[in-house]
Protein backbone atom coordinates (compact mmCIF):
# COMPACT_ATOMS: atom_id res chain seq x y z
CA UNK A 1 -16.88 17.21 31.39
CA UNK A 2 -15.47 20.78 33.12
CA UNK A 3 -13.48 22.84 30.59
CA UNK A 4 -10.99 25.46 31.68
CA UNK A 5 -11.28 28.90 29.72
CA UNK A 6 -7.89 30.04 29.60
CA UNK A 7 -9.03 33.43 28.75
CA UNK A 8 -10.84 34.22 31.90
CA UNK A 9 -7.85 34.59 34.12
CA UNK A 10 -6.52 37.18 31.56
CA UNK A 11 -10.08 38.71 31.54
CA UNK A 12 -9.91 39.30 35.12
CA UNK A 13 -6.33 40.30 35.54
CA UNK A 14 -6.98 43.21 32.78
CA UNK A 15 -10.09 44.23 35.13
CA UNK A 16 -7.88 44.24 37.92
CA UNK A 17 -5.09 46.57 36.34
CA UNK A 18 -8.34 48.77 34.96
CA UNK A 19 -9.61 49.13 38.65
CA UNK A 20 -6.07 49.91 39.96
CA UNK A 21 -5.33 52.23 37.12
CA UNK A 22 -8.75 54.22 37.57
CA UNK A 23 -8.69 54.63 41.24
CA UNK A 24 -4.94 54.94 41.94
CA UNK A 25 -1.91 56.79 40.32
CA UNK A 26 -0.24 53.36 40.67
CA UNK A 27 1.04 51.83 37.64
CA UNK A 28 2.49 48.50 36.47
CA UNK A 29 3.05 47.12 33.17
CA UNK A 30 2.01 49.09 29.61
CA UNK A 31 0.19 52.44 30.59
CA UNK A 32 -3.11 51.89 28.92
CA UNK A 33 -5.99 54.86 29.08
CA UNK A 34 -8.99 53.46 31.03
CA UNK A 35 -11.98 54.20 29.33
CA UNK A 36 -15.73 53.87 30.35
CA UNK A 37 -16.09 50.41 29.34
CA UNK A 38 -13.21 49.31 31.00
CA UNK A 39 -14.14 50.83 34.25
CA UNK A 40 -17.73 48.51 34.42
CA UNK A 41 -15.94 45.75 33.56
CA UNK A 42 -13.65 46.17 36.44
CA UNK A 43 -16.18 47.16 38.94
CA UNK A 44 -15.86 43.90 41.15
CA UNK A 45 -12.31 44.94 41.53
CA UNK A 46 -12.98 48.55 43.57
CA UNK A 47 -12.39 46.73 46.97
CA UNK A 48 -9.20 45.30 46.14
CA UNK A 49 -8.01 49.01 44.73
CA UNK A 50 -8.98 49.90 48.11
CA UNK A 51 -6.75 47.30 49.43
CA UNK A 52 -3.99 48.54 47.85
CA UNK A 53 -4.46 51.87 49.09
CA UNK A 54 -4.96 51.04 52.41
CA UNK A 55 -1.75 48.90 52.65
CA UNK A 56 0.15 52.19 52.04
CA UNK A 57 -1.68 53.97 54.19
CA UNK A 58 -1.03 51.44 56.92
CA UNK A 59 2.65 51.21 56.06
CA UNK A 60 3.19 55.06 56.74
CA UNK A 61 1.37 54.88 60.10
CA UNK A 62 3.63 52.01 61.24
CA UNK A 63 6.75 53.50 59.95
CA UNK A 64 5.57 56.33 61.80
CA UNK A 65 4.95 54.91 64.79
CA UNK A 66 8.37 53.08 64.52
CA UNK A 67 9.90 56.33 64.76
CA UNK A 68 8.32 57.31 67.71
CA UNK A 69 5.86 60.00 66.26
CA UNK A 70 2.51 60.08 68.70
CA UNK A 71 -0.81 58.92 67.17
CA UNK A 72 -1.79 62.04 65.69
CA UNK A 73 0.94 63.01 63.47
CA UNK A 74 0.94 59.31 62.38
CA UNK A 75 -2.47 59.45 61.71
CA UNK A 76 -2.24 62.46 59.40
CA UNK A 77 0.78 60.87 57.52
CA UNK A 78 -1.41 57.94 56.86
CA UNK A 79 -4.52 59.86 55.53
CA UNK A 80 -1.75 62.10 53.43
CA UNK A 81 -0.21 58.92 51.85
CA UNK A 82 -3.73 57.55 50.76
CA UNK A 83 -4.44 61.01 49.22
CA UNK A 84 -1.06 60.58 47.53
CA UNK A 85 -1.74 57.44 45.96
CA UNK A 86 -5.41 58.36 44.77
CA UNK A 87 -4.60 61.79 43.54
CA UNK A 88 -6.61 62.73 45.54
CA UNK A 89 -9.84 61.53 43.23
CA UNK A 90 -12.06 61.06 45.84
CA UNK A 91 -12.01 64.18 48.21
CA UNK A 92 -12.19 66.10 44.62
CA UNK A 93 -15.58 64.60 44.05
CA UNK A 94 -16.84 65.19 47.80
CA UNK A 95 -15.94 68.90 47.19
CA UNK A 96 -17.49 69.66 44.21
CA UNK A 97 -20.32 67.48 44.98
CA UNK A 98 -20.86 69.65 47.88
CA UNK A 99 -20.33 73.02 46.17
CA UNK A 100 -23.19 71.85 43.66
CA UNK A 101 -25.46 70.45 46.20
CA UNK A 102 -25.22 73.66 48.64
CA UNK A 103 -24.60 76.23 45.67
CA UNK A 104 -26.77 75.66 42.60
CA UNK A 105 -30.35 76.40 42.72
CA UNK A 106 -31.53 74.32 39.35
CA UNK A 107 -30.30 70.87 38.51
CA UNK A 108 -28.22 72.47 35.48
CA UNK A 109 -26.83 74.86 38.27
CA UNK A 110 -25.51 71.87 40.40
CA UNK A 111 -24.21 69.99 37.57
CA UNK A 112 -22.70 73.07 36.56
CA UNK A 113 -20.85 74.07 39.59
CA UNK A 114 -19.67 70.26 39.79
CA UNK A 115 -18.26 70.56 36.23
CA UNK A 116 -16.10 73.51 37.80
CA UNK A 117 -12.56 72.91 38.38
CA UNK A 118 -12.68 75.52 41.08
CA UNK A 119 -13.49 74.64 44.83
CA UNK A 120 -15.92 76.98 46.64
CA UNK A 121 -16.43 77.52 50.59
CA UNK A 122 -18.57 74.29 50.78
CA UNK A 123 -16.31 72.19 49.15
CA UNK A 124 -13.59 73.50 51.30
CA UNK A 125 -15.56 72.70 54.49
CA UNK A 126 -16.46 69.67 53.11
CA UNK A 127 -12.87 68.35 52.91
CA UNK A 128 -11.55 69.94 56.01
CA UNK A 129 -14.27 68.19 57.84
CA UNK A 130 -13.75 64.73 56.01
CA UNK A 131 -9.69 65.01 56.62
CA UNK A 132 -10.35 66.17 60.47
CA UNK A 133 -12.59 63.18 60.90
CA UNK A 134 -10.31 60.34 59.16
CA UNK A 135 -7.17 61.68 61.18
CA UNK A 136 -8.66 61.80 64.53
CA UNK A 137 -10.49 58.84 63.91
CA UNK A 138 -7.34 56.60 63.47
CA UNK A 139 -5.33 58.86 66.20
CA UNK A 140 -7.93 57.42 68.73
CA UNK A 141 -7.35 54.06 67.76
CA UNK A 142 -3.70 54.87 68.43
CA UNK A 143 -2.12 51.35 67.56
CA UNK A 144 -1.17 49.83 64.60
CA UNK A 145 -2.96 46.84 65.36
CA UNK A 146 -5.76 48.76 65.66
CA UNK A 147 -5.33 51.05 62.83
CA UNK A 148 -4.11 48.49 60.07
CA UNK A 149 -7.26 46.37 60.11
CA UNK A 150 -9.75 49.61 59.87
CA UNK A 151 -7.55 51.17 57.14
CA UNK A 152 -8.21 48.04 55.43
CA UNK A 153 -12.09 47.78 56.17
CA UNK A 154 -12.65 51.62 55.52
CA UNK A 155 -10.75 51.57 52.08
CA UNK A 156 -11.97 48.42 50.91
CA UNK A 157 -15.44 48.54 52.22
CA UNK A 158 -16.23 51.96 50.64
CA UNK A 159 -14.84 50.83 47.54
CA UNK A 160 -17.24 47.72 47.39
CA UNK A 161 -20.56 49.93 47.62
CA UNK A 162 -19.50 52.03 44.02
CA UNK A 163 -20.67 49.36 42.20
CA UNK A 164 -23.92 48.82 43.75
CA UNK A 165 -24.49 52.28 43.85
CA UNK A 166 -24.04 52.41 40.10
CA UNK A 167 -25.82 49.85 39.28
CA UNK A 168 -29.33 51.39 41.07
CA UNK A 169 -28.78 55.29 40.16
CA UNK A 170 -28.51 56.30 37.08
CA UNK A 171 -26.12 59.00 35.41
CA UNK A 172 -27.52 62.13 35.67
CA UNK A 173 -25.12 63.54 32.62
CA UNK A 174 -26.08 62.19 29.37
CA UNK A 175 -22.14 62.71 28.43
CA UNK A 176 -18.99 62.10 30.97
CA UNK A 177 -17.24 59.27 32.68
CA UNK A 178 -20.10 57.94 34.77
CA UNK A 179 -22.12 58.01 31.61
CA UNK A 180 -19.72 56.20 29.38
CA UNK A 181 -19.26 53.72 31.99
CA UNK A 182 -23.00 52.75 32.28
CA UNK A 183 -24.18 50.32 34.79
CA UNK A 184 -21.33 47.81 35.63
CA UNK A 185 -22.84 43.90 35.02
CA UNK A 186 -24.90 42.68 38.24
CA UNK A 187 -22.71 39.79 38.87
CA UNK A 188 -19.61 42.41 38.53
CA UNK A 189 -21.67 44.46 41.99
CA UNK A 190 -22.37 41.63 43.43
CA UNK A 191 -18.82 40.31 43.61
CA UNK A 192 -17.70 43.35 44.98
CA UNK A 193 -20.43 43.66 47.50
CA UNK A 194 -19.42 40.28 48.70
CA UNK A 195 -15.86 41.28 48.78
CA UNK A 196 -16.73 44.28 50.54
CA UNK A 197 -18.11 42.17 53.41
CA UNK A 198 -16.20 39.61 53.54
CA UNK A 199 -13.12 42.51 54.19
CA UNK A 200 -15.60 43.92 56.84
CA UNK A 201 -15.63 40.66 58.51
CA UNK A 202 -12.22 39.99 58.86
CA UNK A 203 -11.18 42.94 59.70
CA UNK A 204 -13.53 44.16 62.34
CA UNK A 205 -15.06 40.75 63.74
CA UNK A 206 -18.59 39.88 63.20
CA UNK A 207 -20.21 42.57 65.36
CA UNK A 208 -18.20 45.95 64.34
CA UNK A 209 -18.43 44.39 60.81
CA UNK A 210 -22.29 44.23 60.69
CA UNK A 211 -22.56 47.60 62.31
CA UNK A 212 -20.05 48.91 59.64
CA UNK A 213 -22.32 47.54 56.97
CA UNK A 214 -25.59 48.37 58.01
CA UNK A 215 -24.24 51.75 58.32
CA UNK A 216 -22.84 51.91 54.90
CA UNK A 217 -25.90 50.94 53.43
CA UNK A 218 -27.62 54.14 55.11
CA UNK A 219 -25.38 56.39 54.28
CA UNK A 220 -25.71 55.01 50.40
CA UNK A 221 -29.33 55.31 50.51
CA UNK A 222 -29.48 58.81 51.85
CA UNK A 223 -26.71 59.96 49.39
CA UNK A 224 -28.63 58.06 46.57
CA UNK A 225 -31.71 59.87 47.73
CA UNK A 226 -30.25 63.08 47.75
CA UNK A 227 -28.25 63.10 44.68
CA UNK A 228 -31.87 61.80 42.83
CA UNK A 229 -33.60 64.65 44.26
CA UNK A 230 -30.95 67.36 43.39
CA UNK A 231 -29.65 66.00 40.04
CA UNK A 232 -31.65 63.48 39.15
CA UNK A 233 -29.14 60.84 39.37
CA UNK A 234 -25.21 60.09 40.35
CA UNK A 235 -21.94 61.62 38.70
CA UNK A 236 -18.14 60.51 39.26
CA UNK A 237 -17.98 63.24 41.69
CA UNK A 238 -21.12 61.88 43.33
CA UNK A 239 -19.31 58.57 43.58
CA UNK A 240 -16.37 60.13 44.53
CA UNK A 241 -18.46 61.57 47.73
CA UNK A 242 -19.73 58.31 48.25
CA UNK A 243 -16.39 56.77 48.97
CA UNK A 244 -15.30 59.67 51.31
CA UNK A 245 -18.58 59.22 53.44
CA UNK A 246 -18.11 55.37 53.01
CA UNK A 247 -14.69 55.71 54.80
CA UNK A 248 -15.72 57.80 57.48
CA UNK A 249 -18.50 55.72 58.51
CA UNK A 250 -16.21 52.82 58.94
CA UNK A 251 -13.74 54.00 60.93
CA UNK A 252 -15.87 55.73 63.22
CA UNK A 253 -17.69 52.26 63.93
CA UNK A 254 -14.16 50.91 64.27
CA UNK A 255 -13.97 52.86 67.09
CA UNK A 256 -16.61 51.32 68.78
């Protein structure tokens, strides 16, 4: 006889809430702090949080397009909206990672630079390049009919890669959010990956979806290799950098 566990839906709902609270500035229900254990359990919901972010960016693009703005300002406003709703969480990680990897000589120096709240020249250049690539990719797609699915694919799939990355690449520090979160449950990482694949297939179709999946896997492997050689593991900043690279990769594939 099959029994229904009444606690299962509530646990999944709590994990979904934790994922959205962690990856965005959106709040619903009683505000609760999200600790490392909650983040690990919520890893499967990362691509869903990406869908929420993409929906806001898509809405802003559509409204700007309806007002008669050209594709370039529409794209810029859309990217700005996604940065606002996430609090530039991933952009900050990208800047810190590039600063640390590019500016430090030893592992300890690199980690110290990544902890520093100030942004150096390497980080600024990385941010400018990342924003330019995302804005121009969306502007090249031009119409909401192409931009909207590309946004959903990019934001959903880029966050779907993060749990698997956390499983295979150990934390570089013994302290910090990445260390306290630890490895997400493997079933959670698998669920996130499956969601990411489904999102790519639905939004880009089989051919481009497969191309984006392969490109994402290559990008994740390269960042994993770089992180292991530079700092012996990953940090929250590295995860942010991976998300940014993932977004860019999917958007560029969507242009093909």
